[in-house]
Amino acid sequence: MTANTLVNSKLVCVALNDKAQLAALDATFNDAPYKKPPTQPVLYYKPRNTWSVDGAEVEWAKDFDGNDVAEMAVGASLGVVIGKETCRVSAEEALQYVGGYTVVADYSLPEQSYYRPDIKGKCLDASAPVGPEIVAADKIANPDALTVTVSVNGEQKSSFELANMERSVAELISIISRIMTLQAGEIIAVGFAGDRVAVAKGDKVEASIEGVGTLNNTLGGA
């Protein structure tokens, strides 16, 4: 199956699931207006206008005046594809509800604050490519042992070991299933490296997970 046929309902992304990023932001979270670090997963949706596929061009963002923005960034994550209706499941049984795995990239404006997120900057058209395929769940023995890498123009820029996530794949599925009922085909991007990768017009970007696949996209405009 291709990602294009499966991203048809929800694409849920988990922010702040990098232990190193959380540690770096600890002082910020203990100041106003937060007062304490987040106690639950921080989730955001990539709406339908953002969905895209392997090989697609990612359009360079514009500001409110219609001019090109100065910079963009990209992060990549393991995408967990839900295999069947999932509601209030335990962490111990959570992986039984996974249908497969894929790669998710998230192109956006650089993130400045998590208190008042830049909604426009996170919901750019075609900014969330998924794919190139869905790997069956039984092909991946331990999703938390995977590593997500991002390369730009053939040079590796980021490597994020999922063992360094604050919450494991199973924990996330369990918690999220108590917040919302997940349906077959919905995708959870379980975690991104805290330091997103800067990109420029014309860049060729590869988001890769060994055993899952490599997602290739190009930034529009030279």
N, C-alpha and C. Protein backbone atom coordinates (compact mmCIF):
# COMPACT_ATOMS: atom_id res chain seq x y z
N MET A 1 0.84 -1.19 0.00
CA MET A 1 0.00 0.00 0.00
C MET A 1 0.88 1.24 0.00
N THR A 2 0.42 2.29 -0.64
CA THR A 2 1.16 3.54 -0.64
C THR A 2 0.59 4.49 0.39
N ALA A 3 1.42 5.43 0.84
CA ALA A 3 0.96 6.41 1.82
C ALA A 3 -0.18 7.25 1.26
N ASN A 4 -0.17 7.47 -0.05
CA ASN A 4 -1.18 8.31 -0.67
C ASN A 4 -2.59 7.76 -0.46
N THR A 5 -2.72 6.43 -0.34
CA THR A 5 -4.04 5.83 -0.16
C THR A 5 -4.44 5.75 1.30
N LEU A 6 -3.49 5.92 2.22
CA LEU A 6 -3.79 5.74 3.63
C LEU A 6 -3.97 7.04 4.40
N VAL A 7 -3.35 8.12 3.97
CA VAL A 7 -3.55 9.39 4.67
C VAL A 7 -4.87 9.96 4.19
N ASN A 8 -5.92 9.58 4.89
CA ASN A 8 -7.25 9.99 4.43
C ASN A 8 -8.15 10.46 5.56
N SER A 9 -7.60 10.62 6.76
CA SER A 9 -8.44 11.08 7.85
C SER A 9 -7.65 11.97 8.81
N LYS A 10 -6.75 11.39 9.62
CA LYS A 10 -5.97 12.20 10.56
C LYS A 10 -4.49 11.95 10.37
N LEU A 11 -3.73 13.04 10.47
CA LEU A 11 -2.28 12.97 10.60
C LEU A 11 -1.94 13.76 11.86
N VAL A 12 -1.67 13.03 12.94
CA VAL A 12 -1.42 13.63 14.25
C VAL A 12 0.07 13.63 14.52
N CYS A 13 0.62 14.77 14.88
CA CYS A 13 2.04 14.87 15.18
C CYS A 13 2.25 15.13 16.67
N VAL A 14 3.31 14.55 17.20
CA VAL A 14 3.67 14.73 18.60
C VAL A 14 4.88 15.67 18.68
N ALA A 15 4.70 16.78 19.36
CA ALA A 15 5.79 17.73 19.57
C ALA A 15 6.45 17.47 20.91
N LEU A 16 7.65 17.97 21.08
CA LEU A 16 8.35 17.94 22.37
C LEU A 16 8.50 16.52 22.91
N ASN A 17 8.81 15.57 22.02
CA ASN A 17 9.01 14.19 22.48
C ASN A 17 10.49 13.80 22.43
N ASP A 18 11.35 14.79 22.27
CA ASP A 18 12.79 14.60 22.28
C ASP A 18 13.29 14.94 23.69
N LYS A 19 13.84 13.96 24.40
CA LYS A 19 14.29 14.20 25.78
C LYS A 19 15.27 15.36 25.87
N ALA A 20 16.19 15.45 24.93
CA ALA A 20 17.20 16.51 24.97
C ALA A 20 16.54 17.88 24.80
N GLN A 21 15.55 17.97 23.92
CA GLN A 21 14.84 19.23 23.73
C GLN A 21 14.09 19.63 25.00
N LEU A 22 13.43 18.67 25.62
CA LEU A 22 12.70 18.96 26.85
C LEU A 22 13.65 19.46 27.94
N ALA A 23 14.79 18.82 28.05
CA ALA A 23 15.77 19.24 29.06
C ALA A 23 16.25 20.66 28.79
N ALA A 24 16.47 20.98 27.52
CA ALA A 24 16.95 22.32 27.16
C ALA A 24 15.90 23.40 27.45
N LEU A 25 14.64 23.01 27.38
CA LEU A 25 13.55 23.97 27.58
C LEU A 25 13.02 23.97 29.01
N ASP A 26 13.63 23.20 29.89
CA ASP A 26 13.10 23.03 31.24
C ASP A 26 12.92 24.36 31.96
N ALA A 27 13.94 25.22 31.90
CA ALA A 27 13.84 26.50 32.58
C ALA A 27 12.71 27.35 32.01
N THR A 28 12.56 27.31 30.69
CA THR A 28 11.49 28.06 30.03
C THR A 28 10.13 27.58 30.51
N PHE A 29 9.95 26.27 30.60
CA PHE A 29 8.66 25.73 31.00
C PHE A 29 8.31 26.08 32.44
N ASN A 30 9.30 26.28 33.28
CA ASN A 30 9.02 26.61 34.68
C ASN A 30 8.78 28.09 34.91
N ASP A 31 8.97 28.90 33.87
CA ASP A 31 8.64 30.33 33.93
C ASP A 31 7.21 30.55 33.46
N ALA A 32 6.68 31.75 33.66
CA ALA A 32 5.38 32.12 33.12
C ALA A 32 5.46 32.11 31.60
N PRO A 33 4.39 31.74 30.88
CA PRO A 33 3.07 31.38 31.40
C PRO A 33 2.89 29.89 31.69
N TYR A 34 3.94 29.07 31.46
CA TYR A 34 3.77 27.63 31.62
C TYR A 34 3.68 27.21 33.08
N LYS A 35 4.67 27.65 33.88
CA LYS A 35 4.80 27.34 35.31
C LYS A 35 5.29 25.91 35.57
N LYS A 36 5.12 25.00 34.61
CA LYS A 36 5.63 23.64 34.77
C LYS A 36 5.72 22.97 33.40
N PRO A 37 6.56 21.97 33.26
CA PRO A 37 6.66 21.27 31.98
C PRO A 37 5.35 20.58 31.62
N PRO A 38 5.14 20.26 30.34
CA PRO A 38 3.90 19.57 29.94
C PRO A 38 3.81 18.20 30.60
N THR A 39 2.62 17.84 31.06
CA THR A 39 2.41 16.55 31.72
C THR A 39 1.79 15.53 30.79
N GLN A 40 1.34 15.95 29.61
CA GLN A 40 0.75 15.06 28.62
C GLN A 40 1.42 15.31 27.27
N PRO A 41 1.32 14.39 26.33
CA PRO A 41 1.89 14.63 25.01
C PRO A 41 1.33 15.90 24.37
N VAL A 42 2.19 16.66 23.73
CA VAL A 42 1.78 17.87 23.03
C VAL A 42 1.50 17.49 21.58
N LEU A 43 0.24 17.61 21.17
CA LEU A 43 -0.19 17.13 19.86
C LEU A 43 -0.57 18.29 18.96
N TYR A 44 -0.36 18.09 17.67
CA TYR A 44 -0.90 19.03 16.67
C TYR A 44 -1.25 18.24 15.42
N TYR A 45 -2.24 18.74 14.69
CA TYR A 45 -2.70 18.09 13.46
C TYR A 45 -2.05 18.74 12.25
N LYS A 46 -1.79 17.93 11.24
CA LYS A 46 -1.47 18.45 9.92
C LYS A 46 -2.74 18.27 9.08
N PRO A 47 -3.46 19.35 8.77
CA PRO A 47 -4.74 19.24 8.06
C PRO A 47 -4.56 18.80 6.61
N ARG A 48 -5.69 18.50 5.99
CA ARG A 48 -5.70 17.90 4.66
C ARG A 48 -4.87 18.69 3.64
N ASN A 49 -4.90 20.01 3.71
CA ASN A 49 -4.15 20.80 2.73
C ASN A 49 -2.65 20.58 2.81
N THR A 50 -2.17 20.03 3.93
CA THR A 50 -0.74 19.82 4.11
C THR A 50 -0.26 18.46 3.59
N TRP A 51 -1.17 17.53 3.37
CA TRP A 51 -0.77 16.17 3.02
C TRP A 51 -0.11 16.13 1.65
N SER A 52 0.98 15.39 1.57
CA SER A 52 1.71 15.25 0.31
C SER A 52 2.39 13.89 0.28
N VAL A 53 3.17 13.65 -0.76
CA VAL A 53 3.73 12.32 -0.98
C VAL A 53 5.20 12.39 -1.35
N ASP A 54 5.82 11.23 -1.40
CA ASP A 54 7.20 11.10 -1.84
C ASP A 54 7.38 11.66 -3.25
N GLY A 55 8.43 12.42 -3.46
CA GLY A 55 8.74 12.96 -4.78
C GLY A 55 8.09 14.30 -5.08
N ALA A 56 7.16 14.73 -4.24
CA ALA A 56 6.46 15.99 -4.50
C ALA A 56 7.34 17.19 -4.15
N GLU A 57 7.10 18.28 -4.83
CA GLU A 57 7.78 19.53 -4.51
C GLU A 57 7.07 20.22 -3.36
N VAL A 58 7.84 20.70 -2.40
CA VAL A 58 7.30 21.46 -1.27
C VAL A 58 7.44 22.94 -1.60
N GLU A 59 6.32 23.63 -1.67
CA GLU A 59 6.34 25.04 -2.07
C GLU A 59 6.98 25.90 -0.99
N TRP A 60 7.82 26.83 -1.42
CA TRP A 60 8.44 27.77 -0.48
C TRP A 60 7.36 28.69 0.07
N ALA A 61 7.39 28.92 1.37
CA ALA A 61 6.33 29.67 2.04
C ALA A 61 6.39 31.17 1.72
N LYS A 62 5.22 31.79 1.82
CA LYS A 62 5.09 33.24 1.65
C LYS A 62 4.67 33.88 2.96
N ASP A 63 5.02 35.14 3.13
CA ASP A 63 4.54 35.86 4.31
C ASP A 63 3.17 36.48 4.01
N PHE A 64 2.65 37.24 4.96
CA PHE A 64 1.30 37.79 4.80
C PHE A 64 1.22 38.80 3.66
N ASP A 65 2.35 39.33 3.22
CA ASP A 65 2.36 40.28 2.11
C ASP A 65 2.62 39.60 0.77
N GLY A 66 2.74 38.26 0.80
CA GLY A 66 2.95 37.53 -0.43
C GLY A 66 4.40 37.41 -0.86
N ASN A 67 5.31 37.81 0.03
CA ASN A 67 6.73 37.70 -0.29
C ASN A 67 7.31 36.40 0.28
N ASP A 68 8.36 35.90 -0.35
CA ASP A 68 9.00 34.69 0.16
C ASP A 68 9.50 34.91 1.58
N VAL A 69 9.30 33.90 2.44
CA VAL A 69 9.85 33.99 3.79
C VAL A 69 11.37 33.82 3.72
N ALA A 70 12.04 34.25 4.77
CA ALA A 70 13.50 34.22 4.77
C ALA A 70 14.04 32.81 4.96
N GLU A 71 13.32 31.97 5.71
CA GLU A 71 13.85 30.64 6.00
C GLU A 71 12.71 29.66 6.30
N MET A 72 13.02 28.39 6.08
CA MET A 72 12.12 27.30 6.43
C MET A 72 12.94 26.20 7.11
N ALA A 73 12.23 25.26 7.73
CA ALA A 73 12.91 24.16 8.43
C ALA A 73 12.12 22.89 8.20
N VAL A 74 12.79 21.75 8.43
CA VAL A 74 12.12 20.46 8.26
C VAL A 74 12.51 19.54 9.41
N GLY A 75 11.55 18.74 9.85
CA GLY A 75 11.80 17.67 10.78
C GLY A 75 11.23 16.39 10.20
N ALA A 76 11.64 15.26 10.72
CA ALA A 76 11.14 13.98 10.23
C ALA A 76 10.84 13.06 11.39
N SER A 77 9.90 12.16 11.17
CA SER A 77 9.43 11.28 12.23
C SER A 77 9.03 9.92 11.68
N LEU A 78 9.07 8.93 12.54
CA LEU A 78 8.40 7.67 12.24
C LEU A 78 6.91 7.91 12.25
N GLY A 79 6.22 7.44 11.23
CA GLY A 79 4.76 7.52 11.18
C GLY A 79 4.17 6.17 11.54
N VAL A 80 3.37 6.13 12.59
CA VAL A 80 2.72 4.90 13.02
C VAL A 80 1.31 4.87 12.42
N VAL A 81 1.05 3.88 11.58
CA VAL A 81 -0.24 3.76 10.90
C VAL A 81 -1.14 2.85 11.72
N ILE A 82 -2.24 3.39 12.17
CA ILE A 82 -3.18 2.61 12.99
C ILE A 82 -3.85 1.54 12.13
N GLY A 83 -3.94 0.33 12.65
CA GLY A 83 -4.48 -0.78 11.87
C GLY A 83 -5.94 -1.08 12.11
N LYS A 84 -6.46 -0.67 13.28
CA LYS A 84 -7.86 -0.92 13.60
C LYS A 84 -8.30 0.06 14.67
N GLU A 85 -9.60 0.15 14.91
CA GLU A 85 -10.10 1.12 15.88
C GLU A 85 -9.39 0.93 17.22
N THR A 86 -8.91 2.05 17.75
CA THR A 86 -8.08 2.02 18.95
C THR A 86 -8.64 3.00 19.98
N CYS A 87 -9.14 2.48 21.08
CA CYS A 87 -9.76 3.33 22.10
C CYS A 87 -9.38 2.81 23.48
N ARG A 88 -8.73 3.65 24.25
CA ARG A 88 -8.40 3.37 25.64
C ARG A 88 -7.65 2.04 25.79
N VAL A 89 -6.60 1.87 25.01
CA VAL A 89 -5.80 0.65 25.10
C VAL A 89 -4.63 0.88 26.05
N SER A 90 -4.13 -0.20 26.62
CA SER A 90 -2.97 -0.10 27.50
C SER A 90 -1.69 -0.05 26.68
N ALA A 91 -0.61 0.40 27.31
CA ALA A 91 0.67 0.44 26.62
C ALA A 91 1.13 -0.98 26.26
N GLU A 92 0.79 -1.93 27.10
CA GLU A 92 1.20 -3.31 26.86
C GLU A 92 0.57 -3.90 25.60
N GLU A 93 -0.63 -3.47 25.27
CA GLU A 93 -1.31 -4.02 24.10
C GLU A 93 -1.30 -3.08 22.91
N ALA A 94 -0.75 -1.89 23.07
CA ALA A 94 -0.87 -0.83 22.06
C ALA A 94 -0.33 -1.23 20.70
N LEU A 95 0.81 -1.91 20.67
CA LEU A 95 1.43 -2.23 19.38
C LEU A 95 0.61 -3.24 18.58
N GLN A 96 -0.32 -3.92 19.24
CA GLN A 96 -1.21 -4.84 18.53
C GLN A 96 -2.18 -4.09 17.62
N TYR A 97 -2.31 -2.79 17.83
CA TYR A 97 -3.24 -1.97 17.05
C TYR A 97 -2.54 -1.24 15.90
N VAL A 98 -1.26 -1.49 15.73
CA VAL A 98 -0.50 -0.85 14.66
C VAL A 98 -0.59 -1.68 13.40
N GLY A 99 -0.95 -1.03 12.29
CA GLY A 99 -1.01 -1.71 11.01
C GLY A 99 0.28 -1.66 10.24
N GLY A 100 1.08 -0.62 10.47
CA GLY A 100 2.33 -0.48 9.75
C GLY A 100 3.05 0.79 10.12
N TYR A 101 4.17 1.03 9.43
CA TYR A 101 5.01 2.18 9.71
C TYR A 101 5.41 2.87 8.41
N THR A 102 5.63 4.17 8.50
CA THR A 102 6.06 4.93 7.33
C THR A 102 6.92 6.09 7.80
N VAL A 103 7.29 6.96 6.88
CA VAL A 103 8.10 8.14 7.19
C VAL A 103 7.24 9.39 6.99
N VAL A 104 7.32 10.32 7.93
CA VAL A 104 6.60 11.59 7.84
C VAL A 104 7.60 12.73 7.92
N ALA A 105 7.51 13.69 7.01
CA ALA A 105 8.30 14.92 7.09
C ALA A 105 7.37 16.09 7.38
N ASP A 106 7.88 17.07 8.08
CA ASP A 106 7.08 18.24 8.44
C ASP A 106 7.88 19.50 8.13
N TYR A 107 7.51 20.17 7.04
CA TYR A 107 8.15 21.42 6.63
C TYR A 107 7.35 22.59 7.22
N SER A 108 8.05 23.57 7.75
CA SER A 108 7.34 24.69 8.38
C SER A 108 8.26 25.89 8.47
N LEU A 109 7.72 26.98 8.96
CA LEU A 109 8.56 28.10 9.36
C LEU A 109 9.28 27.69 10.64
N PRO A 110 10.46 28.25 10.91
CA PRO A 110 11.16 27.91 12.16
C PRO A 110 10.29 28.18 13.37
N GLU A 111 10.35 27.28 14.35
CA GLU A 111 9.51 27.42 15.53
C GLU A 111 10.17 28.34 16.55
N GLN A 112 9.42 29.36 16.97
CA GLN A 112 9.94 30.32 17.92
C GLN A 112 9.40 30.09 19.33
N SER A 113 8.16 29.61 19.43
CA SER A 113 7.52 29.43 20.73
C SER A 113 6.50 28.31 20.65
N TYR A 114 6.38 27.56 21.75
CA TYR A 114 5.36 26.53 21.83
C TYR A 114 4.13 27.01 22.60
N TYR A 115 4.23 28.21 23.18
CA TYR A 115 3.10 28.74 23.93
C TYR A 115 1.99 29.22 22.99
N ARG A 116 2.39 29.97 21.99
CA ARG A 116 1.43 30.43 20.98
C ARG A 116 1.96 30.00 19.61
N PRO A 117 1.69 28.76 19.23
CA PRO A 117 2.25 28.22 17.98
C PRO A 117 1.84 29.03 16.76
N ASP A 118 2.72 29.05 15.79
CA ASP A 118 2.47 29.72 14.52
C ASP A 118 1.62 28.79 13.64
N ILE A 119 0.29 28.93 13.74
CA ILE A 119 -0.61 28.02 13.04
C ILE A 119 -0.39 28.08 11.53
N LYS A 120 -0.27 29.29 10.99
CA LYS A 120 -0.04 29.44 9.55
C LYS A 120 1.28 28.77 9.17
N GLY A 121 2.28 28.96 9.98
CA GLY A 121 3.60 28.42 9.68
C GLY A 121 3.68 26.91 9.76
N LYS A 122 2.73 26.27 10.47
CA LYS A 122 2.71 24.82 10.58
C LYS A 122 1.72 24.17 9.63
N CYS A 123 0.93 24.95 8.93
CA CYS A 123 -0.14 24.39 8.08
C CYS A 123 0.03 24.79 6.62
N LEU A 124 1.26 24.90 6.18
CA LEU A 124 1.53 25.27 4.79
C LEU A 124 1.07 24.17 3.85
N ASP A 125 0.59 24.56 2.67
CA ASP A 125 0.14 23.59 1.68
C ASP A 125 1.26 22.60 1.35
N ALA A 126 0.89 21.32 1.30
CA ALA A 126 1.80 20.24 0.89
C ALA A 126 3.06 20.17 1.75
N SER A 127 2.95 20.56 3.01
CA SER A 127 4.13 20.62 3.87
C SER A 127 4.36 19.34 4.67
N ALA A 128 3.50 18.33 4.50
CA ALA A 128 3.65 17.10 5.27
C ALA A 128 3.67 15.88 4.35
N PRO A 129 4.76 15.66 3.63
CA PRO A 129 4.86 14.46 2.80
C PRO A 129 4.91 13.20 3.67
N VAL A 130 4.34 12.13 3.16
CA VAL A 130 4.32 10.84 3.85
C VAL A 130 4.69 9.75 2.86
N GLY A 131 5.49 8.78 3.30
CA GLY A 131 5.78 7.67 2.41
C GLY A 131 7.26 7.31 2.42
N PRO A 132 7.72 6.62 1.39
CA PRO A 132 7.03 6.34 0.13
C PRO A 132 6.06 5.17 0.17
N GLU A 133 6.11 4.37 1.26
CA GLU A 133 5.21 3.23 1.37
C GLU A 133 4.92 2.96 2.83
N ILE A 134 4.03 2.02 3.06
CA ILE A 134 3.71 1.57 4.41
C ILE A 134 4.34 0.19 4.59
N VAL A 135 5.19 0.07 5.60
CA VAL A 135 5.82 -1.21 5.91
C VAL A 135 4.97 -1.91 6.97
N ALA A 136 4.62 -3.16 6.74
CA ALA A 136 3.77 -3.91 7.67
C ALA A 136 4.38 -3.93 9.07
N ALA A 137 3.52 -3.87 10.08
CA ALA A 137 3.98 -3.78 11.47
C ALA A 137 4.87 -4.95 11.86
N ASP A 138 4.57 -6.13 11.35
CA ASP A 138 5.35 -7.31 11.75
C ASP A 138 6.75 -7.33 11.16
N LYS A 139 7.06 -6.37 10.29
CA LYS A 139 8.40 -6.27 9.73
C LYS A 139 9.34 -5.47 10.64
N ILE A 140 8.78 -4.77 11.61
CA ILE A 140 9.56 -3.93 12.53
C ILE A 140 9.44 -4.51 13.93
N ALA A 141 10.52 -5.14 14.41
CA ALA A 141 10.46 -5.82 15.70
C ALA A 141 10.30 -4.83 16.86
N ASN A 142 11.00 -3.70 16.80
CA ASN A 142 10.95 -2.73 17.89
C ASN A 142 11.03 -1.33 17.32
N PRO A 143 9.91 -0.64 17.18
CA PRO A 143 9.94 0.70 16.58
C PRO A 143 10.77 1.70 17.38
N ASP A 144 10.92 1.49 18.68
CA ASP A 144 11.69 2.42 19.50
C ASP A 144 13.19 2.28 19.27
N ALA A 145 13.60 1.26 18.53
CA ALA A 145 15.03 1.07 18.24
C ALA A 145 15.44 1.72 16.92
N LEU A 146 14.51 2.35 16.23
CA LEU A 146 14.79 2.94 14.92
C LEU A 146 15.46 4.31 15.07
N THR A 147 16.11 4.74 13.98
CA THR A 147 16.74 6.06 13.93
C THR A 147 16.23 6.82 12.72
N VAL A 148 15.85 8.07 12.92
CA VAL A 148 15.34 8.93 11.84
C VAL A 148 16.45 9.90 11.44
N THR A 149 16.79 9.91 10.16
CA THR A 149 17.82 10.83 9.68
C THR A 149 17.25 11.78 8.64
N VAL A 150 17.82 12.96 8.57
CA VAL A 150 17.47 13.94 7.55
C VAL A 150 18.74 14.37 6.85
N SER A 151 18.74 14.27 5.51
CA SER A 151 19.87 14.71 4.70
C SER A 151 19.41 15.79 3.73
N VAL A 152 20.26 16.75 3.48
CA VAL A 152 19.98 17.83 2.55
C VAL A 152 21.06 17.84 1.48
N ASN A 153 20.64 17.70 0.22
CA ASN A 153 21.57 17.66 -0.91
C ASN A 153 22.66 16.60 -0.70
N GLY A 154 22.24 15.45 -0.13
CA GLY A 154 23.15 14.33 0.05
C GLY A 154 23.98 14.35 1.31
N GLU A 155 23.87 15.39 2.11
CA GLU A 155 24.66 15.51 3.34
C GLU A 155 23.76 15.35 4.56
N GLN A 156 24.08 14.38 5.43
CA GLN A 156 23.26 14.16 6.61
C GLN A 156 23.34 15.35 7.56
N LYS A 157 22.18 15.83 7.97
CA LYS A 157 22.10 17.01 8.83
C LYS A 157 21.53 16.69 10.21
N SER A 158 20.81 15.58 10.34
CA SER A 158 20.17 15.27 11.61
C SER A 158 20.03 13.76 11.75
N SER A 159 20.20 13.28 13.00
CA SER A 159 19.99 11.88 13.31
C SER A 159 19.32 11.81 14.68
N PHE A 160 18.15 11.20 14.73
CA PHE A 160 17.37 11.14 15.98
C PHE A 160 17.03 9.70 16.28
N GLU A 161 17.62 9.16 17.35
CA GLU A 161 17.32 7.81 17.79
C GLU A 161 16.02 7.82 18.59
N LEU A 162 15.06 7.01 18.18
CA LEU A 162 13.77 7.02 18.86
C LEU A 162 13.86 6.49 20.28
N ALA A 163 14.96 5.84 20.62
CA ALA A 163 15.19 5.45 22.01
C ALA A 163 15.31 6.68 22.91
N ASN A 164 15.57 7.84 22.31
CA ASN A 164 15.70 9.08 23.07
C ASN A 164 14.41 9.88 23.14
N MET A 165 13.28 9.25 22.80
CA MET A 165 12.00 9.92 22.95
C MET A 165 11.58 9.92 24.43
N GLU A 166 10.88 10.96 24.83
CA GLU A 166 10.35 11.04 26.19
C GLU A 166 9.32 9.93 26.42
N ARG A 167 8.48 9.68 25.43
CA ARG A 167 7.48 8.62 25.52
C ARG A 167 7.65 7.66 24.35
N SER A 168 7.58 6.38 24.63
CA SER A 168 7.74 5.36 23.60
C SER A 168 6.54 5.33 22.67
N VAL A 169 6.67 4.60 21.58
CA VAL A 169 5.56 4.46 20.63
C VAL A 169 4.34 3.87 21.33
N ALA A 170 4.53 2.81 22.10
CA ALA A 170 3.40 2.17 22.79
C ALA A 170 2.75 3.12 23.79
N GLU A 171 3.56 3.85 24.55
CA GLU A 171 3.02 4.81 25.52
C GLU A 171 2.18 5.87 24.82
N LEU A 172 2.68 6.38 23.70
CA LEU A 172 1.95 7.42 22.98
C LEU A 172 0.60 6.91 22.48
N ILE A 173 0.61 5.73 21.87
CA ILE A 173 -0.65 5.18 21.37
C ILE A 173 -1.65 5.04 22.51
N SER A 174 -1.18 4.52 23.64
CA SER A 174 -2.07 4.34 24.78
C SER A 174 -2.65 5.67 25.26
N ILE A 175 -1.79 6.66 25.45
CA ILE A 175 -2.26 7.96 25.95
C ILE A 175 -3.20 8.63 24.96
N ILE A 176 -2.79 8.65 23.68
CA ILE A 176 -3.61 9.33 22.67
C ILE A 176 -4.96 8.63 22.52
N SER A 177 -4.98 7.30 22.66
CA SER A 177 -6.24 6.57 22.52
C SER A 177 -7.21 6.87 23.66
N ARG A 178 -6.73 7.48 24.72
CA ARG A 178 -7.60 7.91 25.82
C ARG A 178 -8.07 9.35 25.63
N ILE A 179 -7.44 10.04 24.69
CA ILE A 179 -7.85 11.40 24.35
C ILE A 179 -8.85 11.37 23.19
N MET A 180 -8.59 10.49 22.21
CA MET A 180 -9.44 10.38 21.03
C MET A 180 -9.43 8.94 20.55
N THR A 181 -10.50 8.51 19.93
CA THR A 181 -10.53 7.19 19.33
C THR A 181 -9.84 7.25 17.98
N LEU A 182 -8.86 6.40 17.79
CA LEU A 182 -8.11 6.35 16.54
C LEU A 182 -8.72 5.31 15.62
N GLN A 183 -8.74 5.61 14.32
CA GLN A 183 -9.34 4.71 13.34
C GLN A 183 -8.27 4.18 12.39
N ALA A 184 -8.56 3.05 11.76
CA ALA A 184 -7.64 2.44 10.82
C ALA A 184 -7.23 3.43 9.73
N GLY A 185 -5.95 3.50 9.44
CA GLY A 185 -5.44 4.41 8.42
C GLY A 185 -4.96 5.73 8.95
N GLU A 186 -5.32 6.08 10.16
CA GLU A 186 -4.82 7.32 10.74
C GLU A 186 -3.36 7.16 11.14
N ILE A 187 -2.63 8.25 11.08
CA ILE A 187 -1.18 8.20 11.28
C ILE A 187 -0.77 9.11 12.44
N ILE A 188 0.13 8.58 13.28
CA ILE A 188 0.73 9.37 14.35
C ILE A 188 2.22 9.53 14.04
N ALA A 189 2.67 10.76 13.89
CA ALA A 189 4.10 11.05 13.78
C ALA A 189 4.62 11.19 15.21
N VAL A 190 5.37 10.18 15.67
CA VAL A 190 5.58 10.01 17.11
C VAL A 190 6.64 10.92 17.73
N GLY A 191 7.50 11.53 16.92
CA GLY A 191 8.47 12.42 17.53
C GLY A 191 9.51 12.91 16.56
N PHE A 192 9.89 14.17 16.72
CA PHE A 192 10.86 14.83 15.85
C PHE A 192 12.07 15.26 16.68
N ALA A 193 13.23 15.27 16.07
CA ALA A 193 14.40 15.83 16.74
C ALA A 193 14.11 17.28 17.12
N GLY A 194 14.55 17.67 18.31
CA GLY A 194 14.27 19.02 18.77
C GLY A 194 14.84 20.10 17.87
N ASP A 195 16.01 19.85 17.31
CA ASP A 195 16.63 20.81 16.39
C ASP A 195 16.23 20.47 14.96
N ARG A 196 15.30 21.24 14.41
CA ARG A 196 14.90 21.00 13.03
C ARG A 196 15.99 21.48 12.09
N VAL A 197 15.95 20.99 10.87
CA VAL A 197 17.00 21.26 9.90
C VAL A 197 16.60 22.44 9.01
N ALA A 198 17.48 23.42 8.91
CA ALA A 198 17.23 24.56 8.03
C ALA A 198 17.34 24.12 6.58
N VAL A 199 16.45 24.64 5.74
CA VAL A 199 16.46 24.32 4.32
C VAL A 199 16.36 25.60 3.51
N ALA A 200 16.78 25.50 2.26
CA ALA A 200 16.76 26.65 1.35
C ALA A 200 16.05 26.26 0.06
N LYS A 201 15.70 27.24 -0.73
CA LYS A 201 15.05 26.98 -2.01
C LYS A 201 15.93 26.06 -2.87
N GLY A 202 15.27 25.11 -3.51
CA GLY A 202 15.97 24.20 -4.40
C GLY A 202 16.61 23.01 -3.71
N ASP A 203 16.64 22.98 -2.38
CA ASP A 203 17.25 21.87 -1.67
C ASP A 203 16.52 20.56 -1.94
N LYS A 204 17.29 19.48 -2.02
CA LYS A 204 16.72 18.14 -2.11
C LYS A 204 16.87 17.49 -0.74
N VAL A 205 15.75 17.08 -0.17
CA VAL A 205 15.72 16.59 1.21
C VAL A 205 15.34 15.11 1.24
N GLU A 206 16.10 14.34 2.02
CA GLU A 206 15.79 12.93 2.24
C GLU A 206 15.53 12.72 3.72
N ALA A 207 14.34 12.21 4.04
CA ALA A 207 14.02 11.78 5.40
C ALA A 207 13.99 10.26 5.37
N SER A 208 14.83 9.65 6.19
CA SER A 208 15.04 8.21 6.04
C SER A 208 14.99 7.48 7.38
N ILE A 209 14.42 6.27 7.35
CA ILE A 209 14.43 5.35 8.49
C ILE A 209 14.77 3.98 7.94
N GLU A 210 15.89 3.42 8.39
CA GLU A 210 16.31 2.11 7.88
C GLU A 210 15.23 1.07 8.16
N GLY A 211 14.88 0.32 7.13
CA GLY A 211 13.86 -0.71 7.25
C GLY A 211 12.45 -0.21 6.99
N VAL A 212 12.29 1.11 6.97
CA VAL A 212 10.97 1.71 6.73
C VAL A 212 10.92 2.41 5.38
N GLY A 213 11.94 3.20 5.06
CA GLY A 213 11.97 3.84 3.75
C GLY A 213 12.65 5.19 3.75
N THR A 214 12.74 5.76 2.58
CA THR A 214 13.32 7.09 2.40
C THR A 214 12.35 7.97 1.63
N LEU A 215 12.04 9.10 2.21
CA LEU A 215 11.09 10.05 1.66
C LEU A 215 11.88 11.18 1.01
N ASN A 216 11.68 11.40 -0.29
CA ASN A 216 12.43 12.40 -1.04
C ASN A 216 11.53 13.54 -1.48
N ASN A 217 11.95 14.76 -1.18
CA ASN A 217 11.20 15.94 -1.61
C ASN A 217 12.16 17.08 -1.94
N THR A 218 11.69 18.03 -2.73
CA THR A 218 12.49 19.16 -3.14
C THR A 218 11.78 20.46 -2.76
N LEU A 219 12.54 21.43 -2.27
CA LEU A 219 11.99 22.73 -1.94
C LEU A 219 11.82 23.54 -3.22
N GLY A 220 10.61 24.04 -3.45
CA GLY A 220 10.30 24.76 -4.67
C GLY A 220 11.08 26.06 -4.82
N GLY A 221 11.33 26.42 -6.06
CA GLY A 221 11.97 27.68 -6.36
C GLY A 221 13.48 27.59 -6.25
N ALA A 222 14.17 28.08 -7.24
CA ALA A 222 15.63 28.03 -7.21
C ALA A 222 16.18 29.40 -6.87
